[in-house]
């Protein structure tokens, strides 16, 4: 009776060693901001379309549980908050780049402040800063990304 648990443990160790030695570890996908466009304007807010390019270098598809980011504009004194964007459950096919457009709603008061800087300086540096969370089944890995684009 005492031999059965020992044999099962030995078999489990052999199988674990065999399968872990044969599989390559998953690599983190690359996340970059491809483009930022003005999508719509209303009396209360404006909406930006932020195109995120994901490159999955893995031989299997993966899922991003969420992608979140903040949008700022830069001034001589630092960064000013404009808005927030995010999406959940994005599927990345194996070995290929994928683009997802993520909407960002910006309050018109913040937009007017940014517009004043644009008029005064002639340009407005926009920064998108965020993270993408990759579901690896056993754990979640967060990948940071940032993009700076000068408007004007």
C-alpha atoms as a PDB file:
ATOM      1  CA  UNK A   1       0.000   0.000   0.000  1.00  0.00           C
ATOM      2  CA  UNK A   2       2.801   2.461   0.753  1.00  0.00           C
ATOM      3  CA  UNK A   3       4.385   1.871  -2.665  1.00  0.00           C
ATOM      4  CA  UNK A   4       1.429   3.300  -4.643  1.00  0.00           C
ATOM      5  CA  UNK A   5       1.751   6.919  -3.420  1.00  0.00           C
ATOM      6  CA  UNK A   6       5.516   6.770  -3.978  1.00  0.00           C
ATOM      7  CA  UNK A   7       5.069   5.435  -7.521  1.00  0.00           C
ATOM      8  CA  UNK A   8       2.458   8.109  -8.302  1.00  0.00           C
ATOM      9  CA  UNK A   9       4.793  10.841  -7.021  1.00  0.00           C
ATOM     10  CA  UNK A  10       7.650   9.468  -9.129  1.00  0.00           C
ATOM     11  CA  UNK A  11       5.420   9.305 -12.218  1.00  0.00           C
ATOM     12  CA  UNK A  12       4.249  12.894 -11.625  1.00  0.00           C
ATOM     13  CA  UNK A  13       7.875  14.092 -11.356  1.00  0.00           C
ATOM     14  CA  UNK A  14       8.853  12.309 -14.580  1.00  0.00           C
ATOM     15  CA  UNK A  15       5.884  13.711 -16.499  1.00  0.00           C
ATOM     16  CA  UNK A  16       6.499  17.229 -15.156  1.00  0.00           C
ATOM     17  CA  UNK A  17      10.165  17.068 -16.175  1.00  0.00           C
ATOM     18  CA  UNK A  18       9.310  15.739 -19.607  1.00  0.00           C
ATOM     19  CA  UNK A  19       6.664  18.360 -20.426  1.00  0.00           C
ATOM     20  CA  UNK A  20       8.422  21.347 -18.869  1.00  0.00           C
ATOM     21  CA  UNK A  21      11.622  20.557 -20.746  1.00  0.00           C
ATOM     22  CA  UNK A  22       9.843  20.354 -24.087  1.00  0.00           C
ATOM     23  CA  UNK A  23       7.879  23.575 -23.945  1.00  0.00           C
ATOM     24  CA  UNK A  24       9.300  27.033 -24.590  1.00  0.00           C
ATOM     25  CA  UNK A  25       8.281  29.822 -22.217  1.00  0.00           C
ATOM     26  CA  UNK A  26       5.793  32.395 -23.473  1.00  0.00           C
ATOM     27  CA  UNK A  27       7.249  35.772 -24.406  1.00  0.00           C
ATOM     28  CA  UNK A  28       5.623  39.095 -23.591  1.00  0.00           C
ATOM     29  CA  UNK A  29       3.818  40.780 -26.467  1.00  0.00           C
ATOM     30  CA  UNK A  30       4.978  44.237 -27.559  1.00  0.00           C
ATOM     31  CA  UNK A  31       2.507  47.089 -27.079  1.00  0.00           C
ATOM     32  CA  UNK A  32       2.864  50.413 -28.887  1.00  0.00           C
ATOM     33  CA  UNK A  33       0.567  53.340 -29.524  1.00  0.00           C
ATOM     34  CA  UNK A  34       0.227  53.518 -33.284  1.00  0.00           C
ATOM     35  CA  UNK A  35      -1.988  56.590 -33.663  1.00  0.00           C
ATOM     36  CA  UNK A  36      -4.180  59.081 -31.799  1.00  0.00           C
ATOM     37  CA  UNK A  37      -7.099  60.653 -33.674  1.00  0.00           C
ATOM     38  CA  UNK A  38      -9.995  62.971 -32.851  1.00  0.00           C
ATOM     39  CA  UNK A  39     -13.168  60.890 -33.240  1.00  0.00           C
ATOM     40  CA  UNK A  40     -16.014  63.152 -32.121  1.00  0.00           C
ATOM     41  CA  UNK A  41     -16.864  66.392 -30.292  1.00  0.00           C
ATOM     42  CA  UNK A  42     -19.966  67.140 -28.214  1.00  0.00           C
ATOM     43  CA  UNK A  43     -21.019  69.942 -25.867  1.00  0.00           C
ATOM     44  CA  UNK A  44     -19.638  68.102 -22.819  1.00  0.00           C
ATOM     45  CA  UNK A  45     -16.691  66.095 -24.109  1.00  0.00           C
ATOM     46  CA  UNK A  46     -14.581  64.995 -26.997  1.00  0.00           C
ATOM     47  CA  UNK A  47     -13.527  61.482 -27.888  1.00  0.00           C
ATOM     48  CA  UNK A  48     -10.095  60.402 -29.022  1.00  0.00           C
ATOM     49  CA  UNK A  49      -9.454  57.155 -30.853  1.00  0.00           C
ATOM     50  CA  UNK A  50      -6.233  55.554 -29.693  1.00  0.00           C
ATOM     51  CA  UNK A  51      -4.889  52.779 -31.923  1.00  0.00           C
ATOM     52  CA  UNK A  52      -2.805  50.255 -30.002  1.00  0.00           C
ATOM     53  CA  UNK A  53      -0.598  47.842 -31.925  1.00  0.00           C
ATOM     54  CA  UNK A  54      -0.004  44.490 -30.210  1.00  0.00           C
ATOM     55  CA  UNK A  55       2.639  42.109 -31.533  1.00  0.00           C
ATOM     56  CA  UNK A  56       2.335  38.575 -30.199  1.00  0.00           C
ATOM     57  CA  UNK A  57       5.631  36.715 -30.791  1.00  0.00           C
ATOM     58  CA  UNK A  58       4.304  33.450 -29.370  1.00  0.00           C
ATOM     59  CA  UNK A  59       3.341  30.262 -31.252  1.00  0.00           C
ATOM     60  CA  UNK A  60      -0.056  30.356 -29.478  1.00  0.00           C
ATOM     61  CA  UNK A  61      -2.739  33.002 -29.174  1.00  0.00           C
ATOM     62  CA  UNK A  62      -2.995  34.892 -25.884  1.00  0.00           C
ATOM     63  CA  UNK A  63      -5.623  36.994 -24.127  1.00  0.00           C
ATOM     64  CA  UNK A  64      -5.156  40.418 -22.598  1.00  0.00           C
ATOM     65  CA  UNK A  65      -7.433  40.606 -19.587  1.00  0.00           C
ATOM     66  CA  UNK A  66      -7.349  44.396 -19.755  1.00  0.00           C
ATOM     67  CA  UNK A  67      -5.551  47.338 -21.267  1.00  0.00           C
ATOM     68  CA  UNK A  68      -5.745  50.639 -19.396  1.00  0.00           C
ATOM     69  CA  UNK A  69      -4.036  53.952 -19.979  1.00  0.00           C
ATOM     70  CA  UNK A  70      -4.172  57.648 -19.192  1.00  0.00           C
ATOM     71  CA  UNK A  71      -3.755  60.510 -21.656  1.00  0.00           C
ATOM     72  CA  UNK A  72      -1.855  63.646 -20.663  1.00  0.00           C
ATOM     73  CA  UNK A  73      -0.537  66.760 -22.320  1.00  0.00           C
ATOM     74  CA  UNK A  74       2.847  68.167 -21.389  1.00  0.00           C
ATOM     75  CA  UNK A  75       3.583  71.732 -20.327  1.00  0.00           C
ATOM     76  CA  UNK A  76       6.723  73.421 -19.047  1.00  0.00           C
ATOM     77  CA  UNK A  77       5.635  72.544 -15.491  1.00  0.00           C
ATOM     78  CA  UNK A  78       4.790  68.869 -16.069  1.00  0.00           C
ATOM     79  CA  UNK A  79       1.939  66.662 -17.266  1.00  0.00           C
ATOM     80  CA  UNK A  80      -1.737  67.606 -17.148  1.00  0.00           C
ATOM     81  CA  UNK A  81      -4.365  64.845 -17.089  1.00  0.00           C
ATOM     82  CA  UNK A  82      -6.740  64.691 -20.068  1.00  0.00           C
ATOM     83  CA  UNK A  83      -8.565  61.371 -19.878  1.00  0.00           C
ATOM     84  CA  UNK A  84      -8.576  57.617 -19.409  1.00  0.00           C
ATOM     85  CA  UNK A  85      -9.092  54.718 -21.802  1.00  0.00           C
ATOM     86  CA  UNK A  86      -9.333  50.976 -21.575  1.00  0.00           C
ATOM     87  CA  UNK A  87     -10.642  47.732 -22.994  1.00  0.00           C
ATOM     88  CA  UNK A  88     -10.983  44.202 -21.672  1.00  0.00           C
ATOM     89  CA  UNK A  89     -10.548  40.690 -23.048  1.00  0.00           C
ATOM     90  CA  UNK A  90      -8.565  41.370 -26.197  1.00  0.00           C
ATOM     91  CA  UNK A  91      -7.479  38.308 -28.158  1.00  0.00           C
ATOM     92  CA  UNK A  92      -4.069  38.323 -29.821  1.00  0.00           C
ATOM     93  CA  UNK A  93      -3.610  35.672 -32.525  1.00  0.00           C
ATOM     94  CA  UNK A  94      -0.327  33.760 -32.645  1.00  0.00           C
ATOM     95  CA  UNK A  95       2.714  35.252 -34.405  1.00  0.00           C
ATOM     96  CA  UNK A  96       1.020  38.307 -35.843  1.00  0.00           C
ATOM     97  CA  UNK A  97       0.417  41.989 -35.116  1.00  0.00           C
ATOM     98  CA  UNK A  98      -3.096  43.134 -34.187  1.00  0.00           C
ATOM     99  CA  UNK A  99      -4.478  46.673 -33.913  1.00  0.00           C
ATOM    100  CA  UNK A 100      -7.280  47.601 -31.523  1.00  0.00           C
ATOM    101  CA  UNK A 101      -8.856  51.046 -31.347  1.00  0.00           C
ATOM    102  CA  UNK A 102      -9.588  52.161 -27.799  1.00  0.00           C
ATOM    103  CA  UNK A 103     -11.830  55.206 -27.170  1.00  0.00           C
ATOM    104  CA  UNK A 104     -10.824  57.906 -24.689  1.00  0.00           C
ATOM    105  CA  UNK A 105     -13.391  60.450 -23.498  1.00  0.00           C
ATOM    106  CA  UNK A 106     -12.019  63.827 -22.446  1.00  0.00           C
ATOM    107  CA  UNK A 107     -13.972  66.425 -20.510  1.00  0.00           C
ATOM    108  CA  UNK A 108     -14.346  69.668 -22.512  1.00  0.00           C
ATOM    109  CA  UNK A 109     -12.889  71.787 -19.678  1.00  0.00           C
ATOM    110  CA  UNK A 110      -9.677  69.737 -19.830  1.00  0.00           C
ATOM    111  CA  UNK A 111      -9.789  69.930 -23.629  1.00  0.00           C
ATOM    112  CA  UNK A 112     -10.137  73.740 -23.512  1.00  0.00           C
ATOM    113  CA  UNK A 113      -7.111  73.992 -21.220  1.00  0.00           C
ATOM    114  CA  UNK A 114      -5.124  71.860 -23.648  1.00  0.00           C
ATOM    115  CA  UNK A 115      -6.386  73.949 -26.580  1.00  0.00           C
ATOM    116  CA  UNK A 116      -5.185  77.121 -24.843  1.00  0.00           C
ATOM    117  CA  UNK A 117      -1.704  75.600 -24.553  1.00  0.00           C
ATOM    118  CA  UNK A 118      -1.832  74.567 -28.213  1.00  0.00           C
ATOM    119  CA  UNK A 119      -2.778  78.114 -29.313  1.00  0.00           C
ATOM    120  CA  UNK A 120      -0.198  79.727 -27.028  1.00  0.00           C
ATOM    121  CA  UNK A 121       2.712  77.402 -27.882  1.00  0.00           C
ATOM    122  CA  UNK A 122       1.783  76.350 -31.411  1.00  0.00           C
ATOM    123  CA  UNK A 123       2.030  72.651 -30.517  1.00  0.00           C
ATOM    124  CA  UNK A 124       0.800  70.275 -27.843  1.00  0.00           C
ATOM    125  CA  UNK A 125       2.747  67.191 -26.744  1.00  0.00           C
ATOM    126  CA  UNK A 126       0.281  64.366 -25.968  1.00  0.00           C
ATOM    127  CA  UNK A 127       1.413  61.379 -23.874  1.00  0.00           C
ATOM    128  CA  UNK A 128      -0.357  58.025 -23.559  1.00  0.00           C
ATOM    129  CA  UNK A 129       0.862  55.980 -20.592  1.00  0.00           C
ATOM    130  CA  UNK A 130      -0.559  52.605 -19.568  1.00  0.00           C
ATOM    131  CA  UNK A 131      -0.323  48.862 -19.049  1.00  0.00           C
ATOM    132  CA  UNK A 132      -1.574  45.721 -20.756  1.00  0.00           C
ATOM    133  CA  UNK A 133      -2.306  42.690 -18.534  1.00  0.00           C
ATOM    134  CA  UNK A 134      -1.535  39.324 -20.184  1.00  0.00           C
ATOM    135  CA  UNK A 135      -3.390  36.268 -18.889  1.00  0.00           C
ATOM    136  CA  UNK A 136      -0.870  33.397 -18.657  1.00  0.00           C
ATOM    137  CA  UNK A 137      -3.386  31.099 -16.898  1.00  0.00           C
ATOM    138  CA  UNK A 138      -1.033  30.642 -13.940  1.00  0.00           C
ATOM    139  CA  UNK A 139      -0.329  34.342 -13.450  1.00  0.00           C
ATOM    140  CA  UNK A 140      -0.964  37.746 -15.002  1.00  0.00           C
ATOM    141  CA  UNK A 141       1.905  39.832 -16.376  1.00  0.00           C
ATOM    142  CA  UNK A 142       1.564  43.606 -16.763  1.00  0.00           C
ATOM    143  CA  UNK A 143       3.386  45.208 -19.692  1.00  0.00           C
ATOM    144  CA  UNK A 144       3.924  48.984 -19.530  1.00  0.00           C
ATOM    145  CA  UNK A 145       3.783  51.202 -22.621  1.00  0.00           C
ATOM    146  CA  UNK A 146       4.080  54.897 -23.400  1.00  0.00           C
ATOM    147  CA  UNK A 147       3.785  57.052 -26.523  1.00  0.00           C
ATOM    148  CA  UNK A 148       4.435  60.744 -27.015  1.00  0.00           C
ATOM    149  CA  UNK A 149       3.016  62.592 -30.030  1.00  0.00           C
ATOM    150  CA  UNK A 150       3.181  66.298 -30.752  1.00  0.00           C
ATOM    151  CA  UNK A 151      -0.037  67.784 -32.154  1.00  0.00           C
ATOM    152  CA  UNK A 152       0.010  71.035 -34.102  1.00  0.00           C
END
